[in-house]
Amino acid sequence: MKKAAIGDKVKVHYTGTLTDGKMFDSSEGREPLEFTIGAGQMIMGFDAGVRDMTEGESKRLEISAEQGYGAFREDLVMEVGLDQFPENEDPKLGMRYQFQTEDGHQMVLTVTTINEATVVLDGNHELAGKDLIFDVTMVEIEKG
């Protein structure tokens, strides 16, 4: 049987849960997730975890925050005044804003708290700082 390796295009079905069992994503009811191993399309732990799998094989991947979306960074959380938003803008919890940093990088900020005069914006990925569990089934391997 052929084993998945760097450069192979693979299709997998998966269910992602947090360590407390709460599901955050799944391919159930959708087409399998398709990506090329080693191409930087997936988080490191997932990419490494599917290597050497064979078609039809199922496996549980336990991925540390460092191999997932990284540590939670306090420096990506900021409190800004409501007066910094345009007059017609009414921020709501969970809203996302795209922001360009001084060095030209795009960043997505999520509204996490709204106070009387301020809004807290978080630039961390929602899964940053969390260990992840993926139950994965290799559906197809196309040698690269």
N, C-alpha and C. Protein backbone atom coordinates (compact mmCIF):
# COMPACT_ATOMS: atom_id res chain seq x y z
N MET A 1 0.84 -1.18 0.00
CA MET A 1 0.00 0.00 0.00
C MET A 1 0.88 1.24 0.00
N LYS A 2 0.44 2.24 -0.75
CA LYS A 2 1.22 3.48 -0.78
C LYS A 2 0.94 4.31 0.47
N LYS A 3 2.01 4.93 0.96
CA LYS A 3 1.93 5.76 2.14
C LYS A 3 2.04 7.23 1.72
N ALA A 4 1.29 8.08 2.40
CA ALA A 4 1.32 9.51 2.12
C ALA A 4 2.69 10.08 2.49
N ALA A 5 3.21 10.94 1.62
CA ALA A 5 4.53 11.53 1.83
C ALA A 5 4.52 12.99 1.40
N ILE A 6 5.58 13.70 1.77
CA ILE A 6 5.70 15.11 1.38
C ILE A 6 5.59 15.22 -0.14
N GLY A 7 4.80 16.17 -0.60
CA GLY A 7 4.58 16.40 -2.03
C GLY A 7 3.35 15.71 -2.57
N ASP A 8 2.78 14.77 -1.83
CA ASP A 8 1.56 14.08 -2.27
C ASP A 8 0.34 14.96 -2.02
N LYS A 9 -0.60 14.89 -2.96
CA LYS A 9 -1.89 15.54 -2.75
C LYS A 9 -2.80 14.50 -2.10
N VAL A 10 -3.40 14.87 -0.97
CA VAL A 10 -4.22 13.92 -0.24
C VAL A 10 -5.62 14.47 -0.02
N LYS A 11 -6.55 13.56 0.22
CA LYS A 11 -7.92 13.92 0.62
C LYS A 11 -8.20 13.18 1.92
N VAL A 12 -8.67 13.94 2.92
CA VAL A 12 -8.96 13.35 4.21
C VAL A 12 -10.32 13.83 4.72
N HIS A 13 -10.97 12.97 5.47
CA HIS A 13 -12.11 13.38 6.26
C HIS A 13 -11.60 13.55 7.68
N TYR A 14 -12.17 14.51 8.41
CA TYR A 14 -11.65 14.79 9.75
C TYR A 14 -12.76 15.35 10.64
N THR A 15 -12.54 15.20 11.93
CA THR A 15 -13.33 15.91 12.94
C THR A 15 -12.33 16.48 13.92
N GLY A 16 -12.43 17.79 14.15
CA GLY A 16 -11.53 18.47 15.07
C GLY A 16 -12.25 18.80 16.37
N THR A 17 -11.63 18.42 17.49
CA THR A 17 -12.20 18.72 18.80
C THR A 17 -11.13 19.33 19.70
N LEU A 18 -11.60 20.04 20.72
CA LEU A 18 -10.70 20.54 21.76
C LEU A 18 -10.51 19.41 22.77
N THR A 19 -9.59 19.58 23.69
CA THR A 19 -9.32 18.52 24.66
C THR A 19 -10.50 18.27 25.59
N ASP A 20 -11.43 19.23 25.68
CA ASP A 20 -12.63 19.02 26.50
C ASP A 20 -13.74 18.30 25.73
N GLY A 21 -13.45 17.92 24.47
CA GLY A 21 -14.42 17.19 23.66
C GLY A 21 -15.29 18.06 22.78
N LYS A 22 -15.21 19.37 22.93
CA LYS A 22 -16.03 20.27 22.11
C LYS A 22 -15.54 20.27 20.66
N MET A 23 -16.45 19.96 19.72
CA MET A 23 -16.09 19.93 18.30
C MET A 23 -16.03 21.36 17.76
N PHE A 24 -14.97 21.67 16.99
CA PHE A 24 -14.86 22.99 16.39
C PHE A 24 -14.93 22.95 14.87
N ASP A 25 -14.75 21.77 14.27
CA ASP A 25 -14.84 21.67 12.81
C ASP A 25 -14.92 20.20 12.41
N SER A 26 -15.53 19.97 11.24
CA SER A 26 -15.63 18.62 10.72
C SER A 26 -15.90 18.68 9.22
N SER A 27 -15.43 17.68 8.52
CA SER A 27 -15.73 17.58 7.08
C SER A 27 -16.98 16.73 6.85
N GLU A 28 -17.61 16.27 7.92
CA GLU A 28 -18.80 15.43 7.79
C GLU A 28 -19.87 16.14 6.96
N GLY A 29 -20.40 15.44 5.97
CA GLY A 29 -21.43 16.00 5.11
C GLY A 29 -20.87 16.89 4.00
N ARG A 30 -19.55 16.98 3.92
CA ARG A 30 -18.90 17.80 2.89
C ARG A 30 -17.90 16.93 2.13
N GLU A 31 -17.34 17.51 1.10
CA GLU A 31 -16.26 16.85 0.38
C GLU A 31 -15.06 16.73 1.33
N PRO A 32 -14.21 15.72 1.14
CA PRO A 32 -13.02 15.62 1.99
C PRO A 32 -12.11 16.84 1.80
N LEU A 33 -11.33 17.13 2.81
CA LEU A 33 -10.35 18.20 2.75
C LEU A 33 -9.21 17.74 1.84
N GLU A 34 -8.80 18.59 0.92
CA GLU A 34 -7.74 18.25 -0.03
C GLU A 34 -6.59 19.23 0.15
N PHE A 35 -5.38 18.70 0.26
CA PHE A 35 -4.20 19.54 0.39
C PHE A 35 -2.96 18.76 -0.01
N THR A 36 -1.85 19.48 -0.20
CA THR A 36 -0.58 18.86 -0.54
C THR A 36 0.29 18.83 0.71
N ILE A 37 0.76 17.66 1.07
CA ILE A 37 1.59 17.51 2.28
C ILE A 37 2.89 18.28 2.09
N GLY A 38 3.23 19.07 3.09
CA GLY A 38 4.49 19.81 3.07
C GLY A 38 4.44 21.14 2.35
N ALA A 39 3.27 21.53 1.83
CA ALA A 39 3.16 22.77 1.06
C ALA A 39 2.80 23.97 1.93
N GLY A 40 2.68 23.77 3.24
CA GLY A 40 2.36 24.88 4.13
C GLY A 40 0.90 25.28 4.12
N GLN A 41 0.04 24.40 3.63
CA GLN A 41 -1.39 24.70 3.55
C GLN A 41 -2.12 24.37 4.85
N MET A 42 -1.51 23.57 5.69
CA MET A 42 -2.14 23.10 6.93
C MET A 42 -1.27 23.46 8.12
N ILE A 43 -1.86 23.41 9.32
CA ILE A 43 -1.05 23.61 10.52
C ILE A 43 -0.02 22.49 10.59
N MET A 44 1.11 22.77 11.23
CA MET A 44 2.24 21.83 11.22
C MET A 44 1.87 20.44 11.75
N GLY A 45 1.17 20.38 12.86
CA GLY A 45 0.86 19.09 13.46
C GLY A 45 -0.05 18.23 12.61
N PHE A 46 -0.98 18.85 11.90
CA PHE A 46 -1.88 18.11 11.02
C PHE A 46 -1.09 17.59 9.82
N ASP A 47 -0.31 18.47 9.23
CA ASP A 47 0.50 18.12 8.06
C ASP A 47 1.42 16.94 8.38
N ALA A 48 2.12 17.03 9.50
CA ALA A 48 3.04 15.95 9.89
C ALA A 48 2.28 14.69 10.28
N GLY A 49 1.11 14.85 10.87
CA GLY A 49 0.35 13.71 11.37
C GLY A 49 -0.20 12.78 10.30
N VAL A 50 -0.44 13.31 9.10
CA VAL A 50 -1.00 12.45 8.04
C VAL A 50 0.08 11.76 7.21
N ARG A 51 1.33 12.15 7.42
CA ARG A 51 2.42 11.48 6.69
C ARG A 51 2.47 10.01 7.10
N ASP A 52 2.73 9.18 6.15
CA ASP A 52 2.83 7.73 6.32
C ASP A 52 1.48 7.04 6.50
N MET A 53 0.38 7.78 6.43
CA MET A 53 -0.94 7.12 6.47
C MET A 53 -1.19 6.46 5.11
N THR A 54 -2.01 5.41 5.10
CA THR A 54 -2.40 4.74 3.87
C THR A 54 -3.88 4.99 3.61
N GLU A 55 -4.31 4.81 2.38
CA GLU A 55 -5.72 5.01 2.04
C GLU A 55 -6.60 4.11 2.89
N GLY A 56 -7.65 4.69 3.44
CA GLY A 56 -8.58 3.95 4.28
C GLY A 56 -8.19 3.93 5.76
N GLU A 57 -6.97 4.33 6.07
CA GLU A 57 -6.51 4.33 7.46
C GLU A 57 -7.13 5.49 8.24
N SER A 58 -7.48 5.23 9.48
CA SER A 58 -7.97 6.26 10.40
C SER A 58 -6.98 6.41 11.53
N LYS A 59 -6.88 7.64 12.04
CA LYS A 59 -5.87 7.93 13.04
C LYS A 59 -6.31 9.13 13.87
N ARG A 60 -5.93 9.15 15.13
CA ARG A 60 -6.18 10.30 16.00
C ARG A 60 -4.88 11.09 16.11
N LEU A 61 -4.98 12.39 15.80
CA LEU A 61 -3.83 13.29 15.92
C LEU A 61 -4.04 14.19 17.13
N GLU A 62 -3.11 14.16 18.06
CA GLU A 62 -3.15 15.05 19.21
C GLU A 62 -2.08 16.11 18.97
N ILE A 63 -2.54 17.34 18.79
CA ILE A 63 -1.66 18.42 18.33
C ILE A 63 -1.56 19.50 19.40
N SER A 64 -0.34 19.79 19.81
CA SER A 64 -0.12 20.85 20.81
C SER A 64 -0.40 22.20 20.17
N ALA A 65 -0.67 23.19 21.02
CA ALA A 65 -0.91 24.55 20.52
C ALA A 65 0.25 25.03 19.65
N GLU A 66 1.48 24.68 20.04
CA GLU A 66 2.65 25.12 19.29
C GLU A 66 2.68 24.53 17.89
N GLN A 67 2.16 23.32 17.72
CA GLN A 67 2.10 22.67 16.40
C GLN A 67 0.79 22.97 15.68
N GLY A 68 -0.08 23.71 16.36
CA GLY A 68 -1.38 24.08 15.79
C GLY A 68 -1.38 25.55 15.38
N TYR A 69 -2.11 26.36 16.12
CA TYR A 69 -2.24 27.78 15.79
C TYR A 69 -1.36 28.67 16.66
N GLY A 70 -0.44 28.07 17.38
CA GLY A 70 0.51 28.83 18.18
C GLY A 70 -0.04 29.22 19.54
N ALA A 71 0.82 29.81 20.33
CA ALA A 71 0.45 30.27 21.67
C ALA A 71 -0.44 31.50 21.56
N PHE A 72 -1.29 31.70 22.55
CA PHE A 72 -2.11 32.90 22.62
C PHE A 72 -1.17 34.07 22.93
N ARG A 73 -1.27 35.13 22.14
CA ARG A 73 -0.39 36.29 22.31
C ARG A 73 -1.18 37.50 22.81
N GLU A 74 -0.84 37.92 24.02
CA GLU A 74 -1.51 39.10 24.61
C GLU A 74 -1.25 40.36 23.79
N ASP A 75 -0.09 40.42 23.10
CA ASP A 75 0.23 41.61 22.32
C ASP A 75 -0.67 41.77 21.09
N LEU A 76 -1.48 40.76 20.79
CA LEU A 76 -2.43 40.86 19.67
C LEU A 76 -3.83 41.25 20.14
N VAL A 77 -3.97 41.54 21.42
CA VAL A 77 -5.24 41.97 21.99
C VAL A 77 -5.13 43.46 22.30
N MET A 78 -6.10 44.24 21.82
CA MET A 78 -6.04 45.69 22.05
C MET A 78 -7.42 46.25 22.36
N GLU A 79 -7.42 47.26 23.17
CA GLU A 79 -8.65 47.95 23.51
C GLU A 79 -8.63 49.30 22.80
N VAL A 80 -9.69 49.56 22.05
CA VAL A 80 -9.78 50.83 21.31
C VAL A 80 -11.09 51.52 21.67
N GLY A 81 -11.07 52.83 21.56
CA GLY A 81 -12.27 53.60 21.85
C GLY A 81 -13.32 53.43 20.78
N LEU A 82 -14.58 53.43 21.20
CA LEU A 82 -15.68 53.37 20.23
C LEU A 82 -15.62 54.55 19.27
N ASP A 83 -15.03 55.65 19.74
CA ASP A 83 -14.91 56.84 18.89
C ASP A 83 -13.92 56.63 17.74
N GLN A 84 -13.17 55.52 17.76
CA GLN A 84 -12.25 55.20 16.67
C GLN A 84 -12.95 54.53 15.49
N PHE A 85 -14.20 54.14 15.69
CA PHE A 85 -14.98 53.51 14.62
C PHE A 85 -15.76 54.59 13.88
N PRO A 86 -16.02 54.38 12.58
CA PRO A 86 -16.85 55.35 11.85
C PRO A 86 -18.22 55.50 12.53
N GLU A 87 -18.83 56.67 12.39
CA GLU A 87 -20.11 56.96 13.04
C GLU A 87 -21.18 55.93 12.74
N ASN A 88 -21.23 55.46 11.52
CA ASN A 88 -22.29 54.51 11.12
C ASN A 88 -21.93 53.07 11.46
N GLU A 89 -20.80 52.85 12.10
CA GLU A 89 -20.34 51.51 12.45
C GLU A 89 -20.77 51.17 13.87
N ASP A 90 -21.45 50.03 14.02
CA ASP A 90 -21.90 49.58 15.33
C ASP A 90 -21.31 48.21 15.61
N PRO A 91 -20.10 48.16 16.23
CA PRO A 91 -19.44 46.87 16.45
C PRO A 91 -20.30 45.93 17.30
N LYS A 92 -20.27 44.66 16.94
CA LYS A 92 -21.00 43.62 17.67
C LYS A 92 -20.02 42.50 18.01
N LEU A 93 -20.29 41.77 19.10
CA LEU A 93 -19.44 40.65 19.49
C LEU A 93 -19.28 39.67 18.33
N GLY A 94 -18.06 39.24 18.08
CA GLY A 94 -17.80 38.27 17.03
C GLY A 94 -17.53 38.89 15.67
N MET A 95 -17.82 40.18 15.50
CA MET A 95 -17.55 40.83 14.20
C MET A 95 -16.05 40.79 13.95
N ARG A 96 -15.69 40.68 12.68
CA ARG A 96 -14.28 40.65 12.30
C ARG A 96 -13.98 41.85 11.43
N TYR A 97 -12.81 42.42 11.66
CA TYR A 97 -12.34 43.57 10.90
C TYR A 97 -10.99 43.23 10.32
N GLN A 98 -10.80 43.59 9.05
CA GLN A 98 -9.49 43.39 8.43
C GLN A 98 -8.71 44.68 8.62
N PHE A 99 -7.46 44.51 9.01
CA PHE A 99 -6.61 45.64 9.38
C PHE A 99 -5.26 45.44 8.70
N GLN A 100 -4.66 46.53 8.24
CA GLN A 100 -3.33 46.44 7.65
C GLN A 100 -2.32 47.04 8.63
N THR A 101 -1.29 46.26 8.96
CA THR A 101 -0.26 46.73 9.88
C THR A 101 0.65 47.73 9.17
N GLU A 102 1.48 48.42 9.95
CA GLU A 102 2.39 49.40 9.37
C GLU A 102 3.35 48.79 8.35
N ASP A 103 3.67 47.49 8.54
CA ASP A 103 4.59 46.84 7.59
C ASP A 103 3.86 46.19 6.42
N GLY A 104 2.54 46.44 6.30
CA GLY A 104 1.78 45.99 5.14
C GLY A 104 1.10 44.65 5.26
N HIS A 105 1.26 43.95 6.39
CA HIS A 105 0.61 42.65 6.57
C HIS A 105 -0.87 42.83 6.88
N GLN A 106 -1.68 41.90 6.39
CA GLN A 106 -3.11 41.90 6.68
C GLN A 106 -3.35 41.14 7.97
N MET A 107 -4.25 41.64 8.79
CA MET A 107 -4.55 41.02 10.07
C MET A 107 -6.06 41.07 10.27
N VAL A 108 -6.61 40.00 10.81
CA VAL A 108 -8.04 39.97 11.12
C VAL A 108 -8.20 40.13 12.62
N LEU A 109 -9.00 41.10 13.01
CA LEU A 109 -9.26 41.37 14.42
C LEU A 109 -10.71 41.04 14.72
N THR A 110 -10.95 40.33 15.81
CA THR A 110 -12.30 39.92 16.20
C THR A 110 -12.72 40.69 17.44
N VAL A 111 -13.95 41.21 17.43
CA VAL A 111 -14.49 41.91 18.59
C VAL A 111 -14.81 40.86 19.66
N THR A 112 -14.14 40.97 20.82
CA THR A 112 -14.35 40.00 21.89
C THR A 112 -15.09 40.58 23.09
N THR A 113 -15.02 41.90 23.27
CA THR A 113 -15.69 42.56 24.39
C THR A 113 -16.11 43.95 23.95
N ILE A 114 -17.30 44.36 24.38
CA ILE A 114 -17.76 45.73 24.13
C ILE A 114 -18.13 46.35 25.46
N ASN A 115 -17.50 47.47 25.76
CA ASN A 115 -17.79 48.22 26.98
C ASN A 115 -18.52 49.51 26.60
N GLU A 116 -18.79 50.36 27.58
CA GLU A 116 -19.50 51.62 27.30
C GLU A 116 -18.76 52.49 26.30
N ALA A 117 -17.44 52.59 26.45
CA ALA A 117 -16.68 53.51 25.61
C ALA A 117 -15.60 52.83 24.78
N THR A 118 -15.39 51.52 24.99
CA THR A 118 -14.29 50.84 24.31
C THR A 118 -14.72 49.49 23.75
N VAL A 119 -13.91 48.99 22.85
CA VAL A 119 -14.09 47.67 22.25
C VAL A 119 -12.75 46.94 22.35
N VAL A 120 -12.80 45.65 22.72
CA VAL A 120 -11.58 44.84 22.75
C VAL A 120 -11.53 44.04 21.45
N LEU A 121 -10.41 44.17 20.75
CA LEU A 121 -10.17 43.47 19.49
C LEU A 121 -9.05 42.47 19.69
N ASP A 122 -9.21 41.27 19.16
CA ASP A 122 -8.24 40.20 19.33
C ASP A 122 -7.76 39.73 17.96
N GLY A 123 -6.45 39.79 17.75
CA GLY A 123 -5.85 39.37 16.49
C GLY A 123 -5.37 37.92 16.49
N ASN A 124 -5.59 37.20 17.60
CA ASN A 124 -5.22 35.79 17.66
C ASN A 124 -6.22 34.95 16.87
N HIS A 125 -5.76 33.85 16.31
CA HIS A 125 -6.68 32.87 15.73
C HIS A 125 -7.53 32.34 16.87
N GLU A 126 -8.77 32.01 16.60
CA GLU A 126 -9.68 31.55 17.66
C GLU A 126 -9.20 30.27 18.35
N LEU A 127 -8.32 29.51 17.70
CA LEU A 127 -7.79 28.28 18.30
C LEU A 127 -6.37 28.44 18.84
N ALA A 128 -5.86 29.67 18.85
CA ALA A 128 -4.52 29.92 19.40
C ALA A 128 -4.49 29.56 20.88
N GLY A 129 -3.41 28.93 21.29
CA GLY A 129 -3.23 28.56 22.69
C GLY A 129 -3.96 27.30 23.10
N LYS A 130 -4.58 26.62 22.16
CA LYS A 130 -5.37 25.43 22.49
C LYS A 130 -4.75 24.19 21.86
N ASP A 131 -4.71 23.12 22.66
CA ASP A 131 -4.31 21.82 22.12
C ASP A 131 -5.51 21.26 21.35
N LEU A 132 -5.25 20.59 20.25
CA LEU A 132 -6.30 20.12 19.35
C LEU A 132 -6.23 18.62 19.15
N ILE A 133 -7.39 18.03 18.88
CA ILE A 133 -7.47 16.61 18.55
C ILE A 133 -8.20 16.49 17.22
N PHE A 134 -7.61 15.77 16.29
CA PHE A 134 -8.25 15.51 15.01
C PHE A 134 -8.37 14.00 14.81
N ASP A 135 -9.58 13.55 14.53
CA ASP A 135 -9.79 12.17 14.08
C ASP A 135 -9.82 12.24 12.56
N VAL A 136 -8.86 11.58 11.93
CA VAL A 136 -8.63 11.71 10.49
C VAL A 136 -8.75 10.36 9.81
N THR A 137 -9.39 10.34 8.63
CA THR A 137 -9.40 9.16 7.77
C THR A 137 -8.84 9.55 6.42
N MET A 138 -7.81 8.84 5.98
CA MET A 138 -7.20 9.09 4.68
C MET A 138 -8.11 8.51 3.60
N VAL A 139 -8.61 9.37 2.73
CA VAL A 139 -9.53 8.94 1.68
C VAL A 139 -8.77 8.61 0.39
N GLU A 140 -7.81 9.47 0.04
CA GLU A 140 -7.12 9.28 -1.24
C GLU A 140 -5.72 9.89 -1.18
N ILE A 141 -4.78 9.22 -1.85
CA ILE A 141 -3.42 9.73 -1.97
C ILE A 141 -3.08 9.79 -3.45
N GLU A 142 -2.69 10.98 -3.90
CA GLU A 142 -2.23 11.14 -5.29
C GLU A 142 -0.75 11.49 -5.19
N LYS A 143 0.09 10.57 -5.64
CA LYS A 143 1.54 10.77 -5.51
C LYS A 143 1.97 12.03 -6.24
N GLY A 144 2.83 12.82 -5.53
CA GLY A 144 3.30 14.10 -6.06
C GLY A 144 4.50 13.98 -6.93
